[in-house]
Amino acid sequence: MSGHDHGEFDGAAGRINWRAWLPDSPAVAVVLIVHGVAEHSGRYAYLGEKLASAGFACYALDHHGHGRSAGGHANIGRMSAVADDISQMLSLACQLTPGRPRFLIGHSMGALATLYLTTRTPMDLAGVVLSGTPLQLPPVHPALRRVAPLLSRIAPNTGTRKLDSLAISRDMAVVRSYDTDPLNHRGKLPVRTGLEIMDAVDTVTARLATFTYPLLVLHGSSDAIAHPGGADIVARGVSSPDVTVTIYDHLYHEIFNEPERDEVIADVRTWLTAHLPATPPS
């Protein structure tokens, strides 16, 4: 069993909602879970509960424009602001659970935002876990790429494309829950968000060599939303001497919501535990 907590703070562009899954005994580490586009932190309750039961204090925020946070539906505003909010949430988590090593777990756009933050400035981290990293995007028509910056400025909520819920998981119960969850955005993604993701891919790819933290890269081999080649781009680009890549055969995009999720979470838990300091802080 584990406890829960929740709250909010003033983020870079408005109110940010957060939640936590906490162990009953003193935490061995702080884990910040960073969710993907058009969803919210509550979809990581199972992951948070499982890690909390292993002693990790797990926190997660709703990005700007997502879940219960302020902003237009699925419009993140700026990726730099998303990174600022992640940094602020990590600082808050460490105030609430002081003196513990810190880990980041990012999924999909959350993995991209995590890389954006961790390649922007040095951080005190024990390790980073990435899932479904979208660094290999499908080609964008040149005309659309040219007009996107203008649309992003004058009509940022203009819809571009809708995520295919059938591609998130092979578990149809997960798909139905995703489609009916009122905190998810099931319309087309705003052009502002799409452009920020594309620009962030370019930015992150160019500065991957500055990434030096222990890293676990996870991906489903049948991911049709974020190409599995993104895992290889990350692994080859970073300068960390401690990189583990695991590709799960046949799994779709949301590996934490696939039928094999307990296996995936057990792998994450094992990796986190192996990267705890030899002498835990008092």
Protein backbone atom coordinates (compact mmCIF):
# COMPACT_ATOMS: atom_id res chain seq x y z
CA MET A 1 0.00 0.00 0.00
CA SER A 2 1.05 3.58 -0.52
CA GLY A 3 -0.23 7.05 0.22
CA HIS A 4 -1.30 9.84 -2.08
CA ASP A 5 -0.78 13.57 -2.27
CA HIS A 6 -1.73 16.31 -4.72
CA GLY A 7 -1.51 20.05 -5.19
CA GLU A 8 -0.76 22.84 -7.61
CA PHE A 9 1.79 25.56 -8.27
CA ASP A 10 2.18 28.60 -10.50
CA GLY A 11 3.98 27.33 -13.57
CA ALA A 12 5.67 29.14 -16.42
CA ALA A 13 2.34 29.93 -18.12
CA GLY A 14 -0.35 29.26 -15.52
CA ARG A 15 -1.52 26.95 -12.78
CA ILE A 16 -0.02 23.44 -12.85
CA ASN A 17 -1.72 20.49 -11.16
CA TRP A 18 0.32 17.65 -9.69
CA ARG A 19 -0.19 14.36 -7.84
CA ALA A 20 1.95 11.84 -5.99
CA TRP A 21 2.06 8.19 -4.99
CA LEU A 22 4.06 7.78 -1.81
CA PRO A 23 5.50 4.79 0.08
CA ASP A 24 4.40 4.05 3.63
CA SER A 25 8.03 3.86 4.79
CA PRO A 26 10.74 6.51 4.23
CA ALA A 27 11.38 6.90 0.51
CA VAL A 28 14.56 5.56 -1.05
CA ALA A 29 14.39 8.09 -3.90
CA VAL A 30 12.24 10.67 -5.67
CA VAL A 31 10.86 9.76 -9.11
CA LEU A 32 9.20 12.38 -11.31
CA ILE A 33 6.97 10.90 -14.04
CA VAL A 34 6.53 13.11 -17.13
CA HIS A 35 3.46 12.25 -19.24
CA GLY A 36 2.92 12.50 -23.01
CA VAL A 37 0.82 14.71 -25.25
CA ALA A 38 -2.98 14.87 -25.03
CA GLU A 39 -3.11 12.85 -21.78
CA HIS A 40 -2.53 13.54 -18.07
CA SER A 41 -0.63 12.39 -15.00
CA GLY A 42 -3.48 10.28 -13.64
CA ARG A 43 -2.92 7.72 -16.38
CA TYR A 44 0.32 6.76 -14.59
CA ALA A 45 -1.37 5.71 -11.35
CA TYR A 46 -0.50 2.03 -11.83
CA LEU A 47 3.17 2.82 -12.47
CA GLY A 48 3.24 5.25 -9.55
CA GLU A 49 1.61 2.77 -7.16
CA LYS A 50 3.95 -0.05 -8.18
CA LEU A 51 7.06 2.08 -7.70
CA ALA A 52 5.74 3.52 -4.44
CA SER A 53 5.26 0.00 -3.12
CA ALA A 54 8.99 -0.52 -3.80
CA GLY A 55 9.91 2.56 -1.77
CA PHE A 56 10.02 5.29 -4.42
CA ALA A 57 8.21 8.59 -3.86
CA CYS A 58 6.58 9.18 -7.25
CA TYR A 59 5.38 12.58 -8.40
CA ALA A 60 3.77 13.66 -11.67
CA LEU A 61 2.47 16.94 -13.09
CA ASP A 62 -0.13 17.77 -15.72
CA HIS A 63 1.56 19.79 -18.46
CA HIS A 64 0.19 23.20 -19.40
CA GLY A 65 -2.98 22.61 -21.45
CA HIS A 66 -3.35 19.07 -20.10
CA GLY A 67 -5.35 17.32 -17.41
CA ARG A 68 -6.38 19.73 -14.65
CA SER A 69 -3.70 22.32 -15.40
CA ALA A 70 -4.42 25.70 -16.98
CA GLY A 71 -4.28 26.33 -20.71
CA GLY A 72 -5.99 25.46 -23.99
CA HIS A 73 -6.69 21.82 -24.75
CA ALA A 74 -3.40 19.99 -25.49
CA ASN A 75 -1.64 23.30 -26.25
CA ILE A 76 1.67 23.18 -24.39
CA GLY A 77 2.58 26.76 -25.29
CA ARG A 78 6.35 26.45 -25.46
CA MET A 79 8.55 23.40 -24.90
CA SER A 80 10.93 25.59 -22.94
CA ALA A 81 8.06 26.41 -20.56
CA VAL A 82 7.19 22.71 -20.24
CA ALA A 83 10.81 22.07 -19.25
CA ASP A 84 10.63 24.92 -16.72
CA ASP A 85 7.53 23.35 -15.16
CA ILE A 86 9.20 19.94 -14.94
CA SER A 87 12.19 21.54 -13.22
CA GLN A 88 9.92 23.37 -10.79
CA MET A 89 7.96 20.19 -10.05
CA LEU A 90 11.19 18.30 -9.37
CA SER A 91 12.29 21.00 -6.94
CA LEU A 92 8.92 20.83 -5.18
CA ALA A 93 9.09 17.03 -4.99
CA CYS A 94 12.53 17.26 -3.44
CA GLN A 95 11.25 19.76 -0.86
CA LEU A 96 8.44 17.37 0.04
CA THR A 97 10.78 14.35 0.07
CA PRO A 98 14.15 15.88 0.97
CA GLY A 99 17.59 14.38 0.85
CA ARG A 100 16.86 11.60 -1.64
CA PRO A 101 18.38 10.80 -5.04
CA ARG A 102 16.29 11.97 -7.99
CA PHE A 103 15.14 10.20 -11.13
CA LEU A 104 13.09 11.30 -14.14
CA ILE A 105 10.80 8.98 -16.13
CA GLY A 106 9.48 10.50 -19.37
CA HIS A 107 7.04 8.95 -21.84
CA SER A 108 6.58 10.04 -25.48
CA MET A 109 6.38 13.85 -25.55
CA GLY A 110 7.33 13.59 -21.88
CA ALA A 111 10.52 11.79 -22.92
CA LEU A 112 11.24 14.58 -25.40
CA ALA A 113 10.59 17.25 -22.76
CA THR A 114 12.82 15.34 -20.32
CA LEU A 115 15.64 15.32 -22.86
CA TYR A 116 15.03 19.00 -23.61
CA LEU A 117 15.47 19.82 -19.92
CA THR A 118 18.40 17.51 -19.18
CA THR A 119 20.38 18.68 -22.22
CA ARG A 120 19.68 22.35 -21.48
CA THR A 121 21.42 22.69 -18.15
CA PRO A 122 23.31 20.42 -15.72
CA MET A 123 21.11 18.74 -13.11
CA ASP A 124 21.56 16.64 -10.00
CA LEU A 125 20.06 13.33 -11.16
CA ALA A 126 20.72 9.69 -10.31
CA GLY A 127 19.30 8.58 -13.65
CA VAL A 128 16.74 9.02 -16.43
CA VAL A 129 14.24 6.58 -17.94
CA LEU A 130 12.78 7.27 -21.40
CA SER A 131 9.80 5.48 -22.97
CA GLY A 132 8.63 5.83 -26.56
CA THR A 133 10.99 8.72 -27.33
CA PRO A 134 9.72 10.52 -30.48
CA LEU A 135 13.04 11.48 -32.08
CA GLN A 136 12.28 9.84 -35.45
CA LEU A 137 9.19 11.67 -36.69
CA PRO A 138 7.35 10.90 -39.95
CA PRO A 139 8.12 13.29 -42.82
CA VAL A 140 6.15 16.54 -42.85
CA HIS A 141 5.04 18.04 -46.17
CA PRO A 142 7.34 21.00 -46.92
CA ALA A 143 4.41 23.35 -47.46
CA LEU A 144 2.95 22.47 -44.07
CA ARG A 145 6.34 22.90 -42.42
CA ARG A 146 6.63 26.39 -43.94
CA VAL A 147 3.18 27.54 -42.88
CA ALA A 148 3.25 25.95 -39.39
CA PRO A 149 5.21 28.80 -37.70
CA LEU A 150 2.70 31.36 -38.97
CA LEU A 151 -0.28 29.29 -37.87
CA SER A 152 1.39 28.71 -34.51
CA ARG A 153 1.53 32.48 -33.99
CA ILE A 154 -1.87 33.58 -35.30
CA ALA A 155 -4.02 30.48 -34.71
CA PRO A 156 -2.13 28.23 -32.26
CA ASN A 157 -5.10 25.96 -31.55
CA THR A 158 -5.66 25.02 -35.19
CA GLY A 159 -5.92 21.24 -35.35
CA THR A 160 -3.34 19.20 -37.24
CA ARG A 161 -3.72 15.46 -36.67
CA LYS A 162 -5.46 13.21 -34.17
CA LEU A 163 -3.67 10.45 -32.32
CA ASP A 164 -4.92 6.96 -33.17
CA SER A 165 -6.05 5.41 -29.91
CA LEU A 166 -5.77 1.91 -31.39
CA ALA A 167 -2.01 2.47 -31.58
CA ILE A 168 -1.49 3.12 -27.88
CA SER A 169 -2.03 -0.41 -26.53
CA ARG A 170 -3.06 -3.94 -27.52
CA ASP A 171 -5.34 -3.96 -24.47
CA MET A 172 -8.76 -2.79 -25.70
CA ALA A 173 -9.80 -1.88 -22.15
CA VAL A 174 -6.95 0.64 -22.13
CA VAL A 175 -8.06 2.02 -25.49
CA ARG A 176 -11.67 2.42 -24.33
CA SER A 177 -10.56 4.11 -21.13
CA TYR A 178 -8.29 6.44 -23.11
CA ASP A 179 -11.07 7.42 -25.51
CA THR A 180 -13.63 8.10 -22.76
CA ASP A 181 -11.36 9.85 -20.25
CA PRO A 182 -12.57 13.48 -20.06
CA LEU A 183 -9.09 14.65 -19.04
CA ASN A 184 -7.59 13.39 -22.32
CA HIS A 185 -7.72 15.48 -25.49
CA ARG A 186 -9.30 13.41 -28.25
CA GLY A 187 -9.45 16.08 -30.93
CA LYS A 188 -6.70 17.04 -33.34
CA LEU A 189 -3.47 18.23 -31.78
CA PRO A 190 -2.98 22.02 -31.91
CA VAL A 191 -0.49 23.27 -34.48
CA ARG A 192 1.43 25.05 -31.71
CA THR A 193 2.05 21.76 -29.91
CA GLY A 194 3.00 19.99 -33.14
CA LEU A 195 5.48 22.70 -34.09
CA GLU A 196 6.98 22.80 -30.59
CA ILE A 197 7.49 19.02 -30.75
CA MET A 198 9.16 19.22 -34.17
CA ASP A 199 11.41 22.07 -33.08
CA ALA A 200 12.27 20.27 -29.84
CA VAL A 201 13.28 17.15 -31.79
CA ASP A 202 15.77 19.26 -33.74
CA THR A 203 17.03 21.01 -30.60
CA VAL A 204 17.41 17.83 -28.56
CA THR A 205 19.07 15.88 -31.37
CA ALA A 206 21.65 18.65 -31.79
CA ARG A 207 22.63 18.62 -28.12
CA LEU A 208 22.29 14.94 -27.16
CA ALA A 209 26.05 14.76 -26.63
CA THR A 210 25.66 16.95 -23.53
CA PHE A 211 23.60 14.21 -21.85
CA THR A 212 25.79 12.32 -19.35
CA TYR A 213 23.35 10.78 -16.83
CA PRO A 214 22.72 7.06 -16.38
CA LEU A 215 20.02 6.23 -18.92
CA LEU A 216 17.44 3.52 -19.50
CA VAL A 217 15.79 3.69 -22.94
CA LEU A 218 12.60 1.66 -23.45
CA HIS A 219 10.49 1.22 -26.57
CA GLY A 220 7.88 -1.11 -28.02
CA SER A 221 8.97 -2.72 -31.29
CA SER A 222 5.47 -2.22 -32.75
CA ASP A 223 5.15 1.42 -31.72
CA ALA A 224 3.30 3.18 -34.58
CA ILE A 225 3.16 6.59 -32.83
CA ALA A 226 6.86 7.08 -32.00
CA HIS A 227 9.14 5.09 -34.30
CA PRO A 228 11.40 2.65 -32.37
CA GLY A 229 14.35 4.16 -34.24
CA GLY A 230 14.14 7.01 -31.75
CA ALA A 231 15.63 4.74 -29.10
CA ASP A 232 18.70 4.14 -31.26
CA ILE A 233 19.10 7.86 -31.96
CA VAL A 234 19.17 8.54 -28.22
CA ALA A 235 21.52 5.69 -27.40
CA ARG A 236 24.01 6.66 -30.12
CA GLY A 237 23.81 10.39 -29.42
CA VAL A 238 24.30 10.71 -25.67
CA SER A 239 27.69 10.81 -23.96
CA SER A 240 26.64 8.82 -20.92
CA PRO A 241 28.86 5.81 -20.19
CA ASP A 242 25.85 4.05 -18.63
CA VAL A 243 23.14 3.39 -21.25
CA THR A 244 20.73 0.47 -21.36
CA VAL A 245 18.31 -0.01 -24.26
CA THR A 246 15.39 -2.44 -24.09
CA ILE A 247 13.07 -2.99 -27.04
CA TYR A 248 9.97 -5.00 -26.13
CA ASP A 249 8.83 -7.29 -28.93
CA HIS A 250 5.33 -6.58 -30.26
CA LEU A 251 4.50 -3.89 -27.68
CA TYR A 252 2.72 -0.72 -28.82
CA HIS A 253 3.38 2.88 -27.80
CA GLU A 254 2.27 2.87 -24.16
CA ILE A 255 4.47 0.15 -22.75
CA PHE A 256 3.28 0.97 -19.22
CA ASN A 257 -0.28 0.17 -20.35
CA GLU A 258 0.34 -2.98 -22.35
CA PRO A 259 -0.63 -6.49 -21.14
CA GLU A 260 3.06 -6.98 -20.27
CA ARG A 261 3.16 -3.84 -18.13
CA ASP A 262 4.19 -5.68 -14.97
CA GLU A 263 7.29 -6.99 -16.75
CA VAL A 264 8.13 -3.49 -18.00
CA ILE A 265 7.63 -1.89 -14.59
CA ALA A 266 9.70 -4.64 -12.93
CA ASP A 267 12.54 -3.80 -15.35
CA VAL A 268 12.27 -0.12 -14.46
CA ARG A 269 12.19 -0.87 -10.74
CA THR A 270 15.27 -3.11 -11.04
CA TRP A 271 17.16 -0.42 -12.95
CA LEU A 272 16.20 2.33 -10.51
CA THR A 273 17.24 0.21 -7.54
CA ALA A 274 20.58 -0.60 -9.18
CA HIS A 275 21.23 3.12 -9.57
CA LEU A 276 20.54 4.14 -6.01
CA PRO A 277 23.62 5.50 -4.21
CA ALA A 278 25.58 2.80 -2.36
CA THR A 279 25.05 4.71 0.87
CA PRO A 280 21.54 6.22 0.99
CA PRO A 281 21.21 9.71 2.44
CA SER A 282 20.17 9.88 6.09
